[in-house]
Amino acid sequence: MLELRLTLDFACCNCERPVSVTVKCAGKGLAGGARTVAAVNVPCPNCGNVNQLYFEPSGTVRDVVPYRAPRQLLEPSMN
């Protein structure tokens, strides 16, 4: 199985201070080549806000956006 360890550097979306994170990627998704993009949620050690980081297996950071928790859908009552 293909496995990579990458160190990614980016600026926090909230406080704009530098953040560095090391990620371990593994699995068949890495065989997709240059078109493969992965995402990881990284809390900022400075301000605590969570950044959603999109990156390529080459180590290129594609985008950094504030993490938005998925909205829960309401279910109708069975009453």
N, C-alpha and C. Protein backbone atom coordinates (compact mmCIF):
# COMPACT_ATOMS: atom_id res chain seq x y z
N MET A 1 0.85 -1.18 0.00
CA MET A 1 0.00 0.00 0.00
C MET A 1 0.89 1.24 0.00
N LEU A 2 0.50 2.20 -0.82
CA LEU A 2 1.23 3.45 -0.93
C LEU A 2 0.98 4.30 0.31
N GLU A 3 2.04 4.91 0.83
CA GLU A 3 1.92 5.73 2.04
C GLU A 3 2.85 6.93 1.91
N LEU A 4 2.36 8.10 2.29
CA LEU A 4 3.14 9.33 2.27
C LEU A 4 3.08 10.04 3.61
N ARG A 5 4.13 10.72 3.96
CA ARG A 5 4.16 11.60 5.13
C ARG A 5 4.56 12.98 4.61
N LEU A 6 3.66 13.95 4.80
CA LEU A 6 3.87 15.30 4.27
C LEU A 6 3.85 16.32 5.39
N THR A 7 4.68 17.33 5.26
CA THR A 7 4.61 18.48 6.16
C THR A 7 4.06 19.64 5.34
N LEU A 8 2.94 20.19 5.79
CA LEU A 8 2.25 21.25 5.08
C LEU A 8 2.29 22.53 5.90
N ASP A 9 2.63 23.63 5.25
CA ASP A 9 2.69 24.94 5.89
C ASP A 9 1.62 25.83 5.26
N PHE A 10 0.87 26.55 6.10
CA PHE A 10 -0.19 27.43 5.61
C PHE A 10 -0.46 28.51 6.64
N ALA A 11 -1.25 29.50 6.25
CA ALA A 11 -1.66 30.58 7.15
C ALA A 11 -3.07 30.29 7.64
N CYS A 12 -3.32 30.48 8.93
CA CYS A 12 -4.65 30.28 9.51
C CYS A 12 -5.65 31.24 8.86
N CYS A 13 -6.85 30.73 8.60
CA CYS A 13 -7.91 31.56 8.00
C CYS A 13 -8.37 32.68 8.92
N ASN A 14 -8.26 32.47 10.22
CA ASN A 14 -8.77 33.45 11.18
C ASN A 14 -7.70 34.46 11.58
N CYS A 15 -6.60 33.99 12.13
CA CYS A 15 -5.59 34.91 12.67
C CYS A 15 -4.43 35.17 11.71
N GLU A 16 -4.38 34.43 10.60
CA GLU A 16 -3.37 34.59 9.55
C GLU A 16 -1.94 34.29 10.02
N ARG A 17 -1.80 33.66 11.17
CA ARG A 17 -0.46 33.28 11.64
C ARG A 17 -0.06 31.97 10.98
N PRO A 18 1.24 31.71 10.83
CA PRO A 18 1.69 30.49 10.17
C PRO A 18 1.40 29.24 11.00
N VAL A 19 1.00 28.17 10.30
CA VAL A 19 0.71 26.88 10.92
C VAL A 19 1.44 25.82 10.11
N SER A 20 2.00 24.85 10.79
CA SER A 20 2.66 23.72 10.14
C SER A 20 2.07 22.44 10.70
N VAL A 21 1.77 21.49 9.82
CA VAL A 21 1.18 20.22 10.25
C VAL A 21 1.81 19.09 9.43
N THR A 22 2.03 17.96 10.07
CA THR A 22 2.52 16.77 9.37
C THR A 22 1.38 15.77 9.30
N VAL A 23 1.09 15.30 8.08
CA VAL A 23 0.01 14.35 7.87
C VAL A 23 0.56 13.07 7.26
N LYS A 24 -0.10 11.97 7.57
CA LYS A 24 0.24 10.67 6.99
C LYS A 24 -0.92 10.27 6.10
N CYS A 25 -0.65 10.05 4.83
CA CYS A 25 -1.68 9.67 3.86
C CYS A 25 -1.40 8.25 3.40
N ALA A 26 -2.46 7.45 3.30
CA ALA A 26 -2.32 6.08 2.84
C ALA A 26 -3.60 5.65 2.14
N GLY A 27 -3.48 4.69 1.24
CA GLY A 27 -4.66 4.12 0.61
C GLY A 27 -4.63 4.21 -0.89
N LYS A 28 -5.64 3.60 -1.50
CA LYS A 28 -5.70 3.53 -2.95
C LYS A 28 -5.98 4.88 -3.61
N GLY A 29 -6.50 5.84 -2.87
CA GLY A 29 -6.76 7.16 -3.42
C GLY A 29 -5.50 7.87 -3.90
N LEU A 30 -4.35 7.50 -3.36
CA LEU A 30 -3.09 8.13 -3.76
C LEU A 30 -2.68 7.72 -5.18
N ALA A 31 -3.24 6.65 -5.69
CA ALA A 31 -2.89 6.19 -7.04
C ALA A 31 -3.52 7.06 -8.12
N GLY A 32 -4.37 8.01 -7.74
CA GLY A 32 -5.04 8.88 -8.70
C GLY A 32 -4.13 9.88 -9.38
N GLY A 33 -2.92 10.02 -8.91
CA GLY A 33 -1.97 10.93 -9.53
C GLY A 33 -2.19 12.38 -9.18
N ALA A 34 -1.87 13.24 -10.16
CA ALA A 34 -1.90 14.70 -9.93
C ALA A 34 -3.30 15.24 -9.69
N ARG A 35 -4.33 14.50 -10.06
CA ARG A 35 -5.70 14.99 -9.88
C ARG A 35 -6.25 14.73 -8.48
N THR A 36 -5.49 14.01 -7.67
CA THR A 36 -5.93 13.66 -6.32
C THR A 36 -5.82 14.86 -5.39
N VAL A 37 -6.87 15.12 -4.63
CA VAL A 37 -6.88 16.17 -3.62
C VAL A 37 -7.44 15.57 -2.33
N ALA A 38 -6.76 15.80 -1.24
CA ALA A 38 -7.20 15.31 0.07
C ALA A 38 -7.55 16.50 0.95
N ALA A 39 -8.32 16.24 2.01
CA ALA A 39 -8.70 17.31 2.94
C ALA A 39 -8.49 16.83 4.36
N VAL A 40 -8.10 17.76 5.22
CA VAL A 40 -7.91 17.46 6.64
C VAL A 40 -8.30 18.70 7.44
N ASN A 41 -8.88 18.48 8.61
CA ASN A 41 -9.23 19.59 9.50
C ASN A 41 -8.10 19.79 10.50
N VAL A 42 -7.60 21.02 10.58
CA VAL A 42 -6.45 21.33 11.43
C VAL A 42 -6.78 22.50 12.34
N PRO A 43 -6.78 22.28 13.67
CA PRO A 43 -7.00 23.42 14.57
C PRO A 43 -5.74 24.30 14.62
N CYS A 44 -5.95 25.58 14.67
CA CYS A 44 -4.83 26.52 14.76
C CYS A 44 -4.30 26.51 16.20
N PRO A 45 -2.99 26.33 16.38
CA PRO A 45 -2.45 26.34 17.74
C PRO A 45 -2.44 27.74 18.36
N ASN A 46 -2.64 28.76 17.55
CA ASN A 46 -2.61 30.13 18.06
C ASN A 46 -3.98 30.63 18.52
N CYS A 47 -5.02 30.45 17.67
CA CYS A 47 -6.34 30.98 18.00
C CYS A 47 -7.38 29.90 18.29
N GLY A 48 -7.09 28.65 17.94
CA GLY A 48 -8.00 27.55 18.22
C GLY A 48 -9.06 27.28 17.17
N ASN A 49 -9.21 28.16 16.19
CA ASN A 49 -10.19 27.92 15.12
C ASN A 49 -9.72 26.78 14.23
N VAL A 50 -10.68 26.05 13.65
CA VAL A 50 -10.34 24.90 12.82
C VAL A 50 -10.32 25.32 11.35
N ASN A 51 -9.23 24.95 10.68
CA ASN A 51 -9.05 25.22 9.25
C ASN A 51 -9.26 23.92 8.49
N GLN A 52 -9.95 23.98 7.35
CA GLN A 52 -10.07 22.82 6.49
C GLN A 52 -9.04 23.02 5.37
N LEU A 53 -8.08 22.11 5.33
CA LEU A 53 -6.92 22.21 4.45
C LEU A 53 -7.07 21.22 3.30
N TYR A 54 -7.04 21.70 2.06
CA TYR A 54 -7.08 20.85 0.87
C TYR A 54 -5.68 20.82 0.27
N PHE A 55 -5.18 19.61 -0.01
CA PHE A 55 -3.81 19.49 -0.50
C PHE A 55 -3.66 18.32 -1.46
N GLU A 56 -2.59 18.37 -2.25
CA GLU A 56 -2.26 17.31 -3.20
C GLU A 56 -1.23 16.38 -2.57
N PRO A 57 -1.11 15.14 -3.05
CA PRO A 57 -0.09 14.22 -2.52
C PRO A 57 1.34 14.72 -2.74
N SER A 58 1.51 15.69 -3.64
CA SER A 58 2.84 16.27 -3.87
C SER A 58 3.25 17.21 -2.74
N GLY A 59 2.28 17.58 -1.87
CA GLY A 59 2.55 18.52 -0.78
C GLY A 59 2.09 19.92 -1.09
N THR A 60 1.51 20.15 -2.26
CA THR A 60 1.00 21.46 -2.63
C THR A 60 -0.32 21.73 -1.93
N VAL A 61 -0.40 22.84 -1.23
CA VAL A 61 -1.64 23.24 -0.56
C VAL A 61 -2.52 23.92 -1.60
N ARG A 62 -3.71 23.38 -1.83
CA ARG A 62 -4.64 23.93 -2.82
C ARG A 62 -5.48 25.05 -2.23
N ASP A 63 -5.99 24.85 -1.00
CA ASP A 63 -6.89 25.85 -0.42
C ASP A 63 -6.96 25.65 1.09
N VAL A 64 -7.24 26.72 1.79
CA VAL A 64 -7.46 26.68 3.24
C VAL A 64 -8.71 27.51 3.50
N VAL A 65 -9.71 26.87 4.10
CA VAL A 65 -10.98 27.56 4.38
C VAL A 65 -11.38 27.28 5.82
N PRO A 66 -12.20 28.15 6.41
CA PRO A 66 -12.69 27.87 7.77
C PRO A 66 -13.55 26.61 7.75
N TYR A 67 -13.40 25.75 8.74
CA TYR A 67 -14.19 24.53 8.83
C TYR A 67 -15.61 24.89 9.23
N ARG A 68 -16.56 24.35 8.52
CA ARG A 68 -17.98 24.52 8.84
C ARG A 68 -18.54 23.15 9.16
N ALA A 69 -19.04 22.98 10.38
CA ALA A 69 -19.61 21.71 10.79
C ALA A 69 -20.84 21.41 9.94
N PRO A 70 -21.04 20.15 9.58
CA PRO A 70 -22.22 19.81 8.79
C PRO A 70 -23.50 20.14 9.56
N ARG A 71 -24.48 20.64 8.85
CA ARG A 71 -25.75 20.98 9.47
C ARG A 71 -26.56 19.72 9.66
N GLN A 72 -27.17 19.61 10.81
CA GLN A 72 -28.00 18.45 11.08
C GLN A 72 -29.38 18.66 10.47
N LEU A 73 -29.91 17.60 9.87
CA LEU A 73 -31.24 17.66 9.30
C LEU A 73 -32.25 17.23 10.35
N LEU A 74 -33.34 17.97 10.45
CA LEU A 74 -34.39 17.63 11.39
C LEU A 74 -35.23 16.48 10.83
N GLU A 75 -35.62 15.58 11.71
CA GLU A 75 -36.46 14.46 11.31
C GLU A 75 -37.85 14.67 11.87
N PRO A 76 -38.87 14.38 11.08
CA PRO A 76 -40.23 14.54 11.60
C PRO A 76 -40.52 13.57 12.73
N SER A 77 -41.34 14.00 13.64
CA SER A 77 -41.72 13.17 14.79
C SER A 77 -42.65 12.05 14.32
N MET A 78 -42.54 10.90 14.95
CA MET A 78 -43.38 9.77 14.62
C MET A 78 -44.73 9.85 15.36
N ASN A 79 -44.97 10.87 16.14
CA ASN A 79 -46.23 11.01 16.91
C ASN A 79 -47.37 11.39 16.02
